[in-house]
């Protein structure tokens, strides 16, 4: 029997870093978690235990900290590109490197109506994400948002769906629409003002969600993705994942009260999951 090694990669996951920039009296902080994946000529390590082409994953971790010290604070996409450049430059056995980065978002604590120079607070669970993958010939840049919880109490309904013998859900023209959104988009090229575009996309996604007259979560998801592709030519495609966080109307009739669409019971599980990718036609 002949056995052949297939696709393989290795790296270091959950490399965590907090960087404080003290270049002025107004400090900047950036908290990120990085995953490194390398592909290349590693067959001998698998088949005969020859580690001569293996860069230790502990070295990868140390490289993150050293490069964070050497480069000024920058968007996570650009820091990821510097890491990839380092691994490809000094490791000829590596054919492809991939850096996945997640940034925990912090904002300044307001004191006396002004943002404090050195005190910060975490923004709920929302995170900024990026994925950069490159060979020596080409690079691909993606970015995104995860765990952004949003809710609207009007302009949302769900009617006209299939009713079969097992359907108990009541149609509603006025319901709570809520989700914990994850968005991922692919850039057409590098050399983009990553932070400016990221903040612009986030703002447009939120505005579209708020203003859209939703006939379903699918309907609003498409409108959000369409708005991004229609306003950011730097983006080739966008994928949205939007679990439907249910808020069920509580029956108050046993207590002699009418529930005029005011009192709801939040339900975590089970939940609907709506996902789709929108691509720009060439």
C-alpha atoms as a PDB file:
ATOM      1  CA  UNK A   1       0.000   0.000   0.000  1.00  0.00           C
ATOM      2  CA  UNK A   2       1.347   3.430  -0.962  1.00  0.00           C
ATOM      3  CA  UNK A   3       0.635   6.369   1.343  1.00  0.00           C
ATOM      4  CA  UNK A   4       1.179   9.969   0.372  1.00  0.00           C
ATOM      5  CA  UNK A   5       1.139  13.015   2.628  1.00  0.00           C
ATOM      6  CA  UNK A   6      -1.621  15.422   1.657  1.00  0.00           C
ATOM      7  CA  UNK A   7      -2.174  19.069   2.475  1.00  0.00           C
ATOM      8  CA  UNK A   8      -0.558  19.990   5.776  1.00  0.00           C
ATOM      9  CA  UNK A   9       0.277  23.067   7.790  1.00  0.00           C
ATOM     10  CA  UNK A  10       1.409  23.988  11.254  1.00  0.00           C
ATOM     11  CA  UNK A  11       1.799  27.122  13.321  1.00  0.00           C
ATOM     12  CA  UNK A  12       1.024  28.870  16.578  1.00  0.00           C
ATOM     13  CA  UNK A  13      -2.474  29.785  17.771  1.00  0.00           C
ATOM     14  CA  UNK A  14      -3.810  32.229  20.335  1.00  0.00           C
ATOM     15  CA  UNK A  15      -0.703  34.393  20.560  1.00  0.00           C
ATOM     16  CA  UNK A  16      -1.988  37.258  22.695  1.00  0.00           C
ATOM     17  CA  UNK A  17      -0.531  40.736  22.812  1.00  0.00           C
ATOM     18  CA  UNK A  18      -1.336  44.092  24.393  1.00  0.00           C
ATOM     19  CA  UNK A  19       0.726  46.968  23.068  1.00  0.00           C
ATOM     20  CA  UNK A  20       0.829  50.382  24.741  1.00  0.00           C
ATOM     21  CA  UNK A  21       2.123  53.231  22.625  1.00  0.00           C
ATOM     22  CA  UNK A  22       3.554  55.975  24.844  1.00  0.00           C
ATOM     23  CA  UNK A  23       4.761  58.323  22.092  1.00  0.00           C
ATOM     24  CA  UNK A  24       2.772  61.167  23.662  1.00  0.00           C
ATOM     25  CA  UNK A  25       0.891  61.875  26.869  1.00  0.00           C
ATOM     26  CA  UNK A  26      -2.198  60.429  25.142  1.00  0.00           C
ATOM     27  CA  UNK A  27      -1.481  56.712  25.028  1.00  0.00           C
ATOM     28  CA  UNK A  28      -2.767  54.276  22.415  1.00  0.00           C
ATOM     29  CA  UNK A  29      -3.488  50.614  23.150  1.00  0.00           C
ATOM     30  CA  UNK A  30      -4.052  47.646  20.883  1.00  0.00           C
ATOM     31  CA  UNK A  31      -4.995  44.166  22.107  1.00  0.00           C
ATOM     32  CA  UNK A  32      -4.795  41.383  19.539  1.00  0.00           C
ATOM     33  CA  UNK A  33      -4.831  37.606  19.301  1.00  0.00           C
ATOM     34  CA  UNK A  34      -2.946  36.011  16.411  1.00  0.00           C
ATOM     35  CA  UNK A  35      -2.961  32.597  14.743  1.00  0.00           C
ATOM     36  CA  UNK A  36      -0.055  31.689  12.433  1.00  0.00           C
ATOM     37  CA  UNK A  37      -0.253  28.916   9.832  1.00  0.00           C
ATOM     38  CA  UNK A  38       2.610  27.899   7.547  1.00  0.00           C
ATOM     39  CA  UNK A  39       2.522  25.593   4.520  1.00  0.00           C
ATOM     40  CA  UNK A  40       5.547  24.285   2.657  1.00  0.00           C
ATOM     41  CA  UNK A  41       8.182  21.560   2.467  1.00  0.00           C
ATOM     42  CA  UNK A  42       7.594  19.764   5.746  1.00  0.00           C
ATOM     43  CA  UNK A  43       7.191  16.200   4.458  1.00  0.00           C
ATOM     44  CA  UNK A  44      10.421  14.900   5.984  1.00  0.00           C
ATOM     45  CA  UNK A  45       9.263  15.971   9.451  1.00  0.00           C
ATOM     46  CA  UNK A  46       6.134  13.844   9.030  1.00  0.00           C
ATOM     47  CA  UNK A  47       7.638  10.804   7.344  1.00  0.00           C
ATOM     48  CA  UNK A  48      11.081  10.355   8.930  1.00  0.00           C
ATOM     49  CA  UNK A  49      11.087  12.737  11.893  1.00  0.00           C
ATOM     50  CA  UNK A  50      13.577  15.159  10.326  1.00  0.00           C
ATOM     51  CA  UNK A  51      12.999  18.554  11.945  1.00  0.00           C
ATOM     52  CA  UNK A  52      15.654  20.444   9.987  1.00  0.00           C
ATOM     53  CA  UNK A  53      12.991  22.436   8.111  1.00  0.00           C
ATOM     54  CA  UNK A  54      10.749  23.094  11.110  1.00  0.00           C
ATOM     55  CA  UNK A  55      10.652  26.560  12.632  1.00  0.00           C
ATOM     56  CA  UNK A  56       9.564  26.031  16.263  1.00  0.00           C
ATOM     57  CA  UNK A  57       6.137  27.409  17.032  1.00  0.00           C
ATOM     58  CA  UNK A  58       7.625  29.016  20.139  1.00  0.00           C
ATOM     59  CA  UNK A  59       9.867  31.004  17.781  1.00  0.00           C
ATOM     60  CA  UNK A  60       6.764  32.136  15.892  1.00  0.00           C
ATOM     61  CA  UNK A  61       5.293  33.429  19.150  1.00  0.00           C
ATOM     62  CA  UNK A  62       8.488  35.335  19.946  1.00  0.00           C
ATOM     63  CA  UNK A  63       8.524  36.799  16.423  1.00  0.00           C
ATOM     64  CA  UNK A  64       5.116  38.375  17.043  1.00  0.00           C
ATOM     65  CA  UNK A  65       6.398  40.196  20.126  1.00  0.00           C
ATOM     66  CA  UNK A  66       9.648  41.320  18.489  1.00  0.00           C
ATOM     67  CA  UNK A  67       7.934  42.714  15.380  1.00  0.00           C
ATOM     68  CA  UNK A  68       5.316  44.429  17.552  1.00  0.00           C
ATOM     69  CA  UNK A  69       8.194  46.253  19.218  1.00  0.00           C
ATOM     70  CA  UNK A  70       9.956  47.075  15.925  1.00  0.00           C
ATOM     71  CA  UNK A  71       6.955  48.469  14.019  1.00  0.00           C
ATOM     72  CA  UNK A  72       4.788  51.428  15.045  1.00  0.00           C
ATOM     73  CA  UNK A  73       1.119  50.786  15.905  1.00  0.00           C
ATOM     74  CA  UNK A  74      -0.719  50.018  12.672  1.00  0.00           C
ATOM     75  CA  UNK A  75      -3.859  48.298  11.360  1.00  0.00           C
ATOM     76  CA  UNK A  76      -3.910  44.570  12.055  1.00  0.00           C
ATOM     77  CA  UNK A  77      -3.842  43.859   8.310  1.00  0.00           C
ATOM     78  CA  UNK A  78      -0.521  45.650   7.910  1.00  0.00           C
ATOM     79  CA  UNK A  79       1.014  44.035  11.004  1.00  0.00           C
ATOM     80  CA  UNK A  80      -0.060  40.641   9.643  1.00  0.00           C
ATOM     81  CA  UNK A  81       1.635  41.469   6.325  1.00  0.00           C
ATOM     82  CA  UNK A  82       4.888  42.263   8.162  1.00  0.00           C
ATOM     83  CA  UNK A  83       4.730  38.908   9.939  1.00  0.00           C
ATOM     84  CA  UNK A  84       4.165  37.076   6.664  1.00  0.00           C
ATOM     85  CA  UNK A  85       7.020  38.926   4.997  1.00  0.00           C
ATOM     86  CA  UNK A  86       9.332  37.885   7.834  1.00  0.00           C
ATOM     87  CA  UNK A  87       8.388  34.197   7.694  1.00  0.00           C
ATOM     88  CA  UNK A  88       8.668  33.997   3.892  1.00  0.00           C
ATOM     89  CA  UNK A  89      11.965  35.910   3.814  1.00  0.00           C
ATOM     90  CA  UNK A  90      13.831  33.844   6.390  1.00  0.00           C
ATOM     91  CA  UNK A  91      12.264  30.434   5.728  1.00  0.00           C
ATOM     92  CA  UNK A  92      12.735  29.236   2.125  1.00  0.00           C
ATOM     93  CA  UNK A  93      10.967  25.971   2.971  1.00  0.00           C
ATOM     94  CA  UNK A  94       7.722  27.944   3.575  1.00  0.00           C
ATOM     95  CA  UNK A  95       5.570  28.315   0.460  1.00  0.00           C
ATOM     96  CA  UNK A  96       2.558  30.035   1.984  1.00  0.00           C
ATOM     97  CA  UNK A  97       1.898  31.856   5.247  1.00  0.00           C
ATOM     98  CA  UNK A  98      -1.443  32.822   6.758  1.00  0.00           C
ATOM     99  CA  UNK A  99      -2.050  35.184   9.653  1.00  0.00           C
ATOM    100  CA  UNK A 100      -5.450  35.392  11.317  1.00  0.00           C
ATOM    101  CA  UNK A 101      -5.823  38.306  13.692  1.00  0.00           C
ATOM    102  CA  UNK A 102      -8.559  39.332  16.130  1.00  0.00           C
ATOM    103  CA  UNK A 103      -8.531  42.726  17.825  1.00  0.00           C
ATOM    104  CA  UNK A 104     -10.410  43.462  21.026  1.00  0.00           C
ATOM    105  CA  UNK A 105     -11.709  47.011  20.764  1.00  0.00           C
ATOM    106  CA  UNK A 106     -11.062  49.587  23.461  1.00  0.00           C
ATOM    107  CA  UNK A 107     -12.291  53.167  23.804  1.00  0.00           C
ATOM    108  CA  UNK A 108     -11.245  55.988  26.102  1.00  0.00           C
ATOM    109  CA  UNK A 109     -13.113  56.534  29.354  1.00  0.00           C
ATOM    110  CA  UNK A 110     -14.762  59.979  29.324  1.00  0.00           C
ATOM    111  CA  UNK A 111     -13.814  62.134  32.304  1.00  0.00           C
ATOM    112  CA  UNK A 112     -15.339  65.585  32.668  1.00  0.00           C
ATOM    113  CA  UNK A 113     -16.760  65.307  29.168  1.00  0.00           C
ATOM    114  CA  UNK A 114     -13.350  64.582  27.585  1.00  0.00           C
ATOM    115  CA  UNK A 115     -11.689  61.269  26.607  1.00  0.00           C
ATOM    116  CA  UNK A 116      -9.077  60.303  29.180  1.00  0.00           C
ATOM    117  CA  UNK A 117      -5.492  60.065  27.934  1.00  0.00           C
ATOM    118  CA  UNK A 118      -4.568  56.818  29.675  1.00  0.00           C
ATOM    119  CA  UNK A 119      -7.770  55.094  30.852  1.00  0.00           C
ATOM    120  CA  UNK A 120      -9.827  52.786  28.612  1.00  0.00           C
ATOM    121  CA  UNK A 121     -12.897  50.538  28.576  1.00  0.00           C
ATOM    122  CA  UNK A 122     -13.628  47.456  26.477  1.00  0.00           C
ATOM    123  CA  UNK A 123     -16.367  47.624  23.856  1.00  0.00           C
ATOM    124  CA  UNK A 124     -18.764  44.800  24.821  1.00  0.00           C
ATOM    125  CA  UNK A 125     -17.843  41.626  22.894  1.00  0.00           C
ATOM    126  CA  UNK A 126     -17.327  43.171  19.457  1.00  0.00           C
ATOM    127  CA  UNK A 127     -14.040  42.368  17.701  1.00  0.00           C
ATOM    128  CA  UNK A 128     -12.212  43.506  14.587  1.00  0.00           C
ATOM    129  CA  UNK A 129     -10.811  40.638  12.518  1.00  0.00           C
ATOM    130  CA  UNK A 130      -8.453  40.115   9.606  1.00  0.00           C
ATOM    131  CA  UNK A 131      -7.047  37.252   7.554  1.00  0.00           C
ATOM    132  CA  UNK A 132      -3.941  37.758   5.436  1.00  0.00           C
ATOM    133  CA  UNK A 133      -2.526  34.921   3.325  1.00  0.00           C
ATOM    134  CA  UNK A 134       0.424  35.166   0.966  1.00  0.00           C
ATOM    135  CA  UNK A 135       2.924  33.308  -1.156  1.00  0.00           C
ATOM    136  CA  UNK A 136       6.000  34.938  -2.624  1.00  0.00           C
ATOM    137  CA  UNK A 137       3.940  35.795  -5.698  1.00  0.00           C
ATOM    138  CA  UNK A 138       0.686  37.167  -4.335  1.00  0.00           C
ATOM    139  CA  UNK A 139      -1.217  38.160  -1.208  1.00  0.00           C
ATOM    140  CA  UNK A 140      -4.896  38.110  -0.216  1.00  0.00           C
ATOM    141  CA  UNK A 141      -6.371  40.475   2.381  1.00  0.00           C
ATOM    142  CA  UNK A 142      -9.656  39.988   4.211  1.00  0.00           C
ATOM    143  CA  UNK A 143     -11.175  41.842   7.139  1.00  0.00           C
ATOM    144  CA  UNK A 144     -14.258  41.674   9.262  1.00  0.00           C
ATOM    145  CA  UNK A 145     -16.308  42.186  12.417  1.00  0.00           C
ATOM    146  CA  UNK A 146     -17.466  39.543  14.865  1.00  0.00           C
ATOM    147  CA  UNK A 147     -19.829  39.418  17.842  1.00  0.00           C
ATOM    148  CA  UNK A 148     -21.506  42.735  17.066  1.00  0.00           C
ATOM    149  CA  UNK A 149     -24.899  42.488  18.816  1.00  0.00           C
ATOM    150  CA  UNK A 150     -27.603  44.659  17.245  1.00  0.00           C
ATOM    151  CA  UNK A 151     -31.371  44.957  17.734  1.00  0.00           C
ATOM    152  CA  UNK A 152     -34.260  46.929  16.258  1.00  0.00           C
ATOM    153  CA  UNK A 153     -37.719  47.244  17.810  1.00  0.00           C
ATOM    154  CA  UNK A 154     -39.561  48.416  14.682  1.00  0.00           C
ATOM    155  CA  UNK A 155     -39.462  48.121  10.877  1.00  0.00           C
ATOM    156  CA  UNK A 156     -39.278  44.343  11.119  1.00  0.00           C
ATOM    157  CA  UNK A 157     -41.783  41.628  10.262  1.00  0.00           C
ATOM    158  CA  UNK A 158     -41.955  37.999   9.169  1.00  0.00           C
ATOM    159  CA  UNK A 159     -44.982  36.890   7.145  1.00  0.00           C
ATOM    160  CA  UNK A 160     -45.957  34.787   4.144  1.00  0.00           C
ATOM    161  CA  UNK A 161     -43.731  31.817   4.944  1.00  0.00           C
ATOM    162  CA  UNK A 162     -44.529  28.102   4.509  1.00  0.00           C
ATOM    163  CA  UNK A 163     -47.131  26.654   6.860  1.00  0.00           C
ATOM    164  CA  UNK A 164     -46.979  22.875   7.118  1.00  0.00           C
ATOM    165  CA  UNK A 165     -48.494  20.540   9.754  1.00  0.00           C
ATOM    166  CA  UNK A 166     -45.638  21.296  12.153  1.00  0.00           C
ATOM    167  CA  UNK A 167     -45.681  25.090  11.872  1.00  0.00           C
ATOM    168  CA  UNK A 168     -46.705  26.890  15.068  1.00  0.00           C
ATOM    169  CA  UNK A 169     -44.946  30.229  14.567  1.00  0.00           C
ATOM    170  CA  UNK A 170     -47.391  33.121  14.275  1.00  0.00           C
ATOM    171  CA  UNK A 171     -46.930  35.670  11.523  1.00  0.00           C
ATOM    172  CA  UNK A 172     -46.027  39.148  12.700  1.00  0.00           C
ATOM    173  CA  UNK A 173     -45.709  42.486  10.945  1.00  0.00           C
ATOM    174  CA  UNK A 174     -44.025  44.080  13.957  1.00  0.00           C
ATOM    175  CA  UNK A 175     -41.387  42.033  15.784  1.00  0.00           C
ATOM    176  CA  UNK A 176     -38.034  42.365  17.519  1.00  0.00           C
ATOM    177  CA  UNK A 177     -35.147  41.751  15.095  1.00  0.00           C
ATOM    178  CA  UNK A 178     -31.847  41.010  16.799  1.00  0.00           C
ATOM    179  CA  UNK A 179     -28.622  39.256  15.886  1.00  0.00           C
ATOM    180  CA  UNK A 180     -24.976  38.816  16.823  1.00  0.00           C
ATOM    181  CA  UNK A 181     -23.464  39.697  13.468  1.00  0.00           C
ATOM    182  CA  UNK A 182     -20.285  38.394  11.913  1.00  0.00           C
ATOM    183  CA  UNK A 183     -19.129  40.030   8.683  1.00  0.00           C
ATOM    184  CA  UNK A 184     -16.102  39.098   6.574  1.00  0.00           C
ATOM    185  CA  UNK A 185     -15.067  40.838   3.383  1.00  0.00           C
ATOM    186  CA  UNK A 186     -12.343  40.304   0.775  1.00  0.00           C
ATOM    187  CA  UNK A 187     -10.329  43.198  -0.645  1.00  0.00           C
ATOM    188  CA  UNK A 188      -9.623  43.423  -4.365  1.00  0.00           C
ATOM    189  CA  UNK A 189      -5.963  44.274  -3.713  1.00  0.00           C
ATOM    190  CA  UNK A 190      -3.503  45.410  -1.063  1.00  0.00           C
ATOM    191  CA  UNK A 191      -2.406  48.992  -0.465  1.00  0.00           C
ATOM    192  CA  UNK A 192      -5.786  49.958   1.012  1.00  0.00           C
ATOM    193  CA  UNK A 193      -6.466  52.347   3.897  1.00  0.00           C
ATOM    194  CA  UNK A 194      -7.572  49.395   6.004  1.00  0.00           C
ATOM    195  CA  UNK A 195      -8.702  51.203   9.154  1.00  0.00           C
ATOM    196  CA  UNK A 196     -10.617  53.878   7.265  1.00  0.00           C
ATOM    197  CA  UNK A 197     -12.435  51.279   5.169  1.00  0.00           C
ATOM    198  CA  UNK A 198     -13.145  49.080   8.205  1.00  0.00           C
ATOM    199  CA  UNK A 199     -14.777  51.914  10.127  1.00  0.00           C
ATOM    200  CA  UNK A 200     -16.710  52.946   7.015  1.00  0.00           C
ATOM    201  CA  UNK A 201     -18.034  49.432   6.419  1.00  0.00           C
ATOM    202  CA  UNK A 202     -19.034  49.048  10.052  1.00  0.00           C
ATOM    203  CA  UNK A 203     -20.899  52.363   9.988  1.00  0.00           C
ATOM    204  CA  UNK A 204     -22.736  51.468   6.772  1.00  0.00           C
ATOM    205  CA  UNK A 205     -23.716  48.008   8.034  1.00  0.00           C
ATOM    206  CA  UNK A 206     -25.208  49.510  11.178  1.00  0.00           C
ATOM    207  CA  UNK A 207     -27.025  52.305   9.345  1.00  0.00           C
ATOM    208  CA  UNK A 208     -28.506  49.890   6.810  1.00  0.00           C
ATOM    209  CA  UNK A 209     -29.668  47.524   9.555  1.00  0.00           C
ATOM    210  CA  UNK A 210     -31.323  50.402  11.407  1.00  0.00           C
ATOM    211  CA  UNK A 211     -33.098  51.964   8.414  1.00  0.00           C
ATOM    212  CA  UNK A 212     -34.083  48.904   6.366  1.00  0.00           C
ATOM    213  CA  UNK A 213     -37.769  47.894   6.294  1.00  0.00           C
ATOM    214  CA  UNK A 214     -37.146  44.230   7.006  1.00  0.00           C
ATOM    215  CA  UNK A 215     -39.434  41.505   5.687  1.00  0.00           C
ATOM    216  CA  UNK A 216     -37.061  38.830   7.005  1.00  0.00           C
ATOM    217  CA  UNK A 217     -33.535  38.551   8.330  1.00  0.00           C
ATOM    218  CA  UNK A 218     -32.507  37.325   4.869  1.00  0.00           C
ATOM    219  CA  UNK A 219     -33.995  40.483   3.370  1.00  0.00           C
ATOM    220  CA  UNK A 220     -32.000  42.746   5.693  1.00  0.00           C
ATOM    221  CA  UNK A 221     -28.786  40.714   5.361  1.00  0.00           C
ATOM    222  CA  UNK A 222     -28.882  41.159   1.582  1.00  0.00           C
ATOM    223  CA  UNK A 223     -29.550  44.886   1.893  1.00  0.00           C
ATOM    224  CA  UNK A 224     -26.554  45.270   4.205  1.00  0.00           C
ATOM    225  CA  UNK A 225     -24.196  43.370   1.913  1.00  0.00           C
ATOM    226  CA  UNK A 226     -25.518  45.173  -1.141  1.00  0.00           C
ATOM    227  CA  UNK A 227     -24.896  48.548   0.510  1.00  0.00           C
ATOM    228  CA  UNK A 228     -21.277  47.640   1.260  1.00  0.00           C
ATOM    229  CA  UNK A 229     -20.499  46.432  -2.263  1.00  0.00           C
ATOM    230  CA  UNK A 230     -22.275  49.440  -3.728  1.00  0.00           C
ATOM    231  CA  UNK A 231     -20.213  51.929  -1.719  1.00  0.00           C
ATOM    232  CA  UNK A 232     -16.770  50.336  -1.369  1.00  0.00           C
ATOM    233  CA  UNK A 233     -15.121  49.460  -4.657  1.00  0.00           C
ATOM    234  CA  UNK A 234     -12.123  48.134  -2.683  1.00  0.00           C
ATOM    235  CA  UNK A 235     -14.232  45.112  -1.625  1.00  0.00           C
ATOM    236  CA  UNK A 236     -14.771  42.142  -3.932  1.00  0.00           C
ATOM    237  CA  UNK A 237     -17.160  40.120  -1.777  1.00  0.00           C
ATOM    238  CA  UNK A 238     -18.731  40.109   1.670  1.00  0.00           C
ATOM    239  CA  UNK A 239     -20.078  37.250   3.778  1.00  0.00           C
ATOM    240  CA  UNK A 240     -22.557  37.887   6.573  1.00  0.00           C
ATOM    241  CA  UNK A 241     -23.511  35.448   9.304  1.00  0.00           C
ATOM    242  CA  UNK A 242     -26.506  36.573  11.351  1.00  0.00           C
ATOM    243  CA  UNK A 243     -28.026  34.210  13.921  1.00  0.00           C
ATOM    244  CA  UNK A 244     -31.573  35.211  14.727  1.00  0.00           C
ATOM    245  CA  UNK A 245     -31.653  36.074  18.438  1.00  0.00           C
ATOM    246  CA  UNK A 246     -35.256  35.414  19.401  1.00  0.00           C
ATOM    247  CA  UNK A 247     -37.341  37.573  21.729  1.00  0.00           C
ATOM    248  CA  UNK A 248     -40.687  35.896  22.364  1.00  0.00           C
ATOM    249  CA  UNK A 249     -43.744  37.880  23.380  1.00  0.00           C
ATOM    250  CA  UNK A 250     -44.767  36.962  26.952  1.00  0.00           C
ATOM    251  CA  UNK A 251     -48.417  35.957  27.478  1.00  0.00           C
ATOM    252  CA  UNK A 252     -49.776  38.251  30.209  1.00  0.00           C
ATOM    253  CA  UNK A 253     -53.446  37.315  29.768  1.00  0.00           C
ATOM    254  CA  UNK A 254     -53.415  34.906  32.774  1.00  0.00           C
ATOM    255  CA  UNK A 255     -52.707  38.012  34.868  1.00  0.00           C
ATOM    256  CA  UNK A 256     -55.469  40.078  33.285  1.00  0.00           C
ATOM    257  CA  UNK A 257     -53.016  42.205  31.292  1.00  0.00           C
ATOM    258  CA  UNK A 258     -52.559  42.918  27.605  1.00  0.00           C
ATOM    259  CA  UNK A 259     -49.033  42.709  26.280  1.00  0.00           C
ATOM    260  CA  UNK A 260     -48.936  45.490  23.712  1.00  0.00           C
ATOM    261  CA  UNK A 261     -45.689  44.315  22.118  1.00  0.00           C
ATOM    262  CA  UNK A 262     -43.715  45.484  25.163  1.00  0.00           C
ATOM    263  CA  UNK A 263     -42.631  42.508  27.319  1.00  0.00           C
ATOM    264  CA  UNK A 264     -40.437  39.822  25.744  1.00  0.00           C
ATOM    265  CA  UNK A 265     -38.538  36.734  26.846  1.00  0.00           C
ATOM    266  CA  UNK A 266     -35.003  36.500  25.376  1.00  0.00           C
ATOM    267  CA  UNK A 267     -34.257  33.014  24.011  1.00  0.00           C
ATOM    268  CA  UNK A 268     -30.648  31.970  23.355  1.00  0.00           C
ATOM    269  CA  UNK A 269     -31.180  28.444  22.025  1.00  0.00           C
ATOM    270  CA  UNK A 270     -32.236  27.149  19.645  1.00  0.00           C
ATOM    271  CA  UNK A 271     -31.820  30.026  17.204  1.00  0.00           C
ATOM    272  CA  UNK A 272     -32.103  30.503  13.474  1.00  0.00           C
ATOM    273  CA  UNK A 273     -28.886  30.994  11.513  1.00  0.00           C
ATOM    274  CA  UNK A 274     -28.922  33.088   8.341  1.00  0.00           C
ATOM    275  CA  UNK A 275     -25.740  33.274   6.241  1.00  0.00           C
ATOM    276  CA  UNK A 276     -24.933  34.447   2.727  1.00  0.00           C
ATOM    277  CA  UNK A 277     -22.092  35.687   0.541  1.00  0.00           C
ATOM    278  CA  UNK A 278     -22.544  38.576  -1.915  1.00  0.00           C
ATOM    279  CA  UNK A 279     -19.998  38.983  -4.721  1.00  0.00           C
ATOM    280  CA  UNK A 280     -19.323  41.799  -7.096  1.00  0.00           C
ATOM    281  CA  UNK A 281     -19.915  40.748 -10.721  1.00  0.00           C
ATOM    282  CA  UNK A 282     -16.935  41.295 -12.997  1.00  0.00           C
END
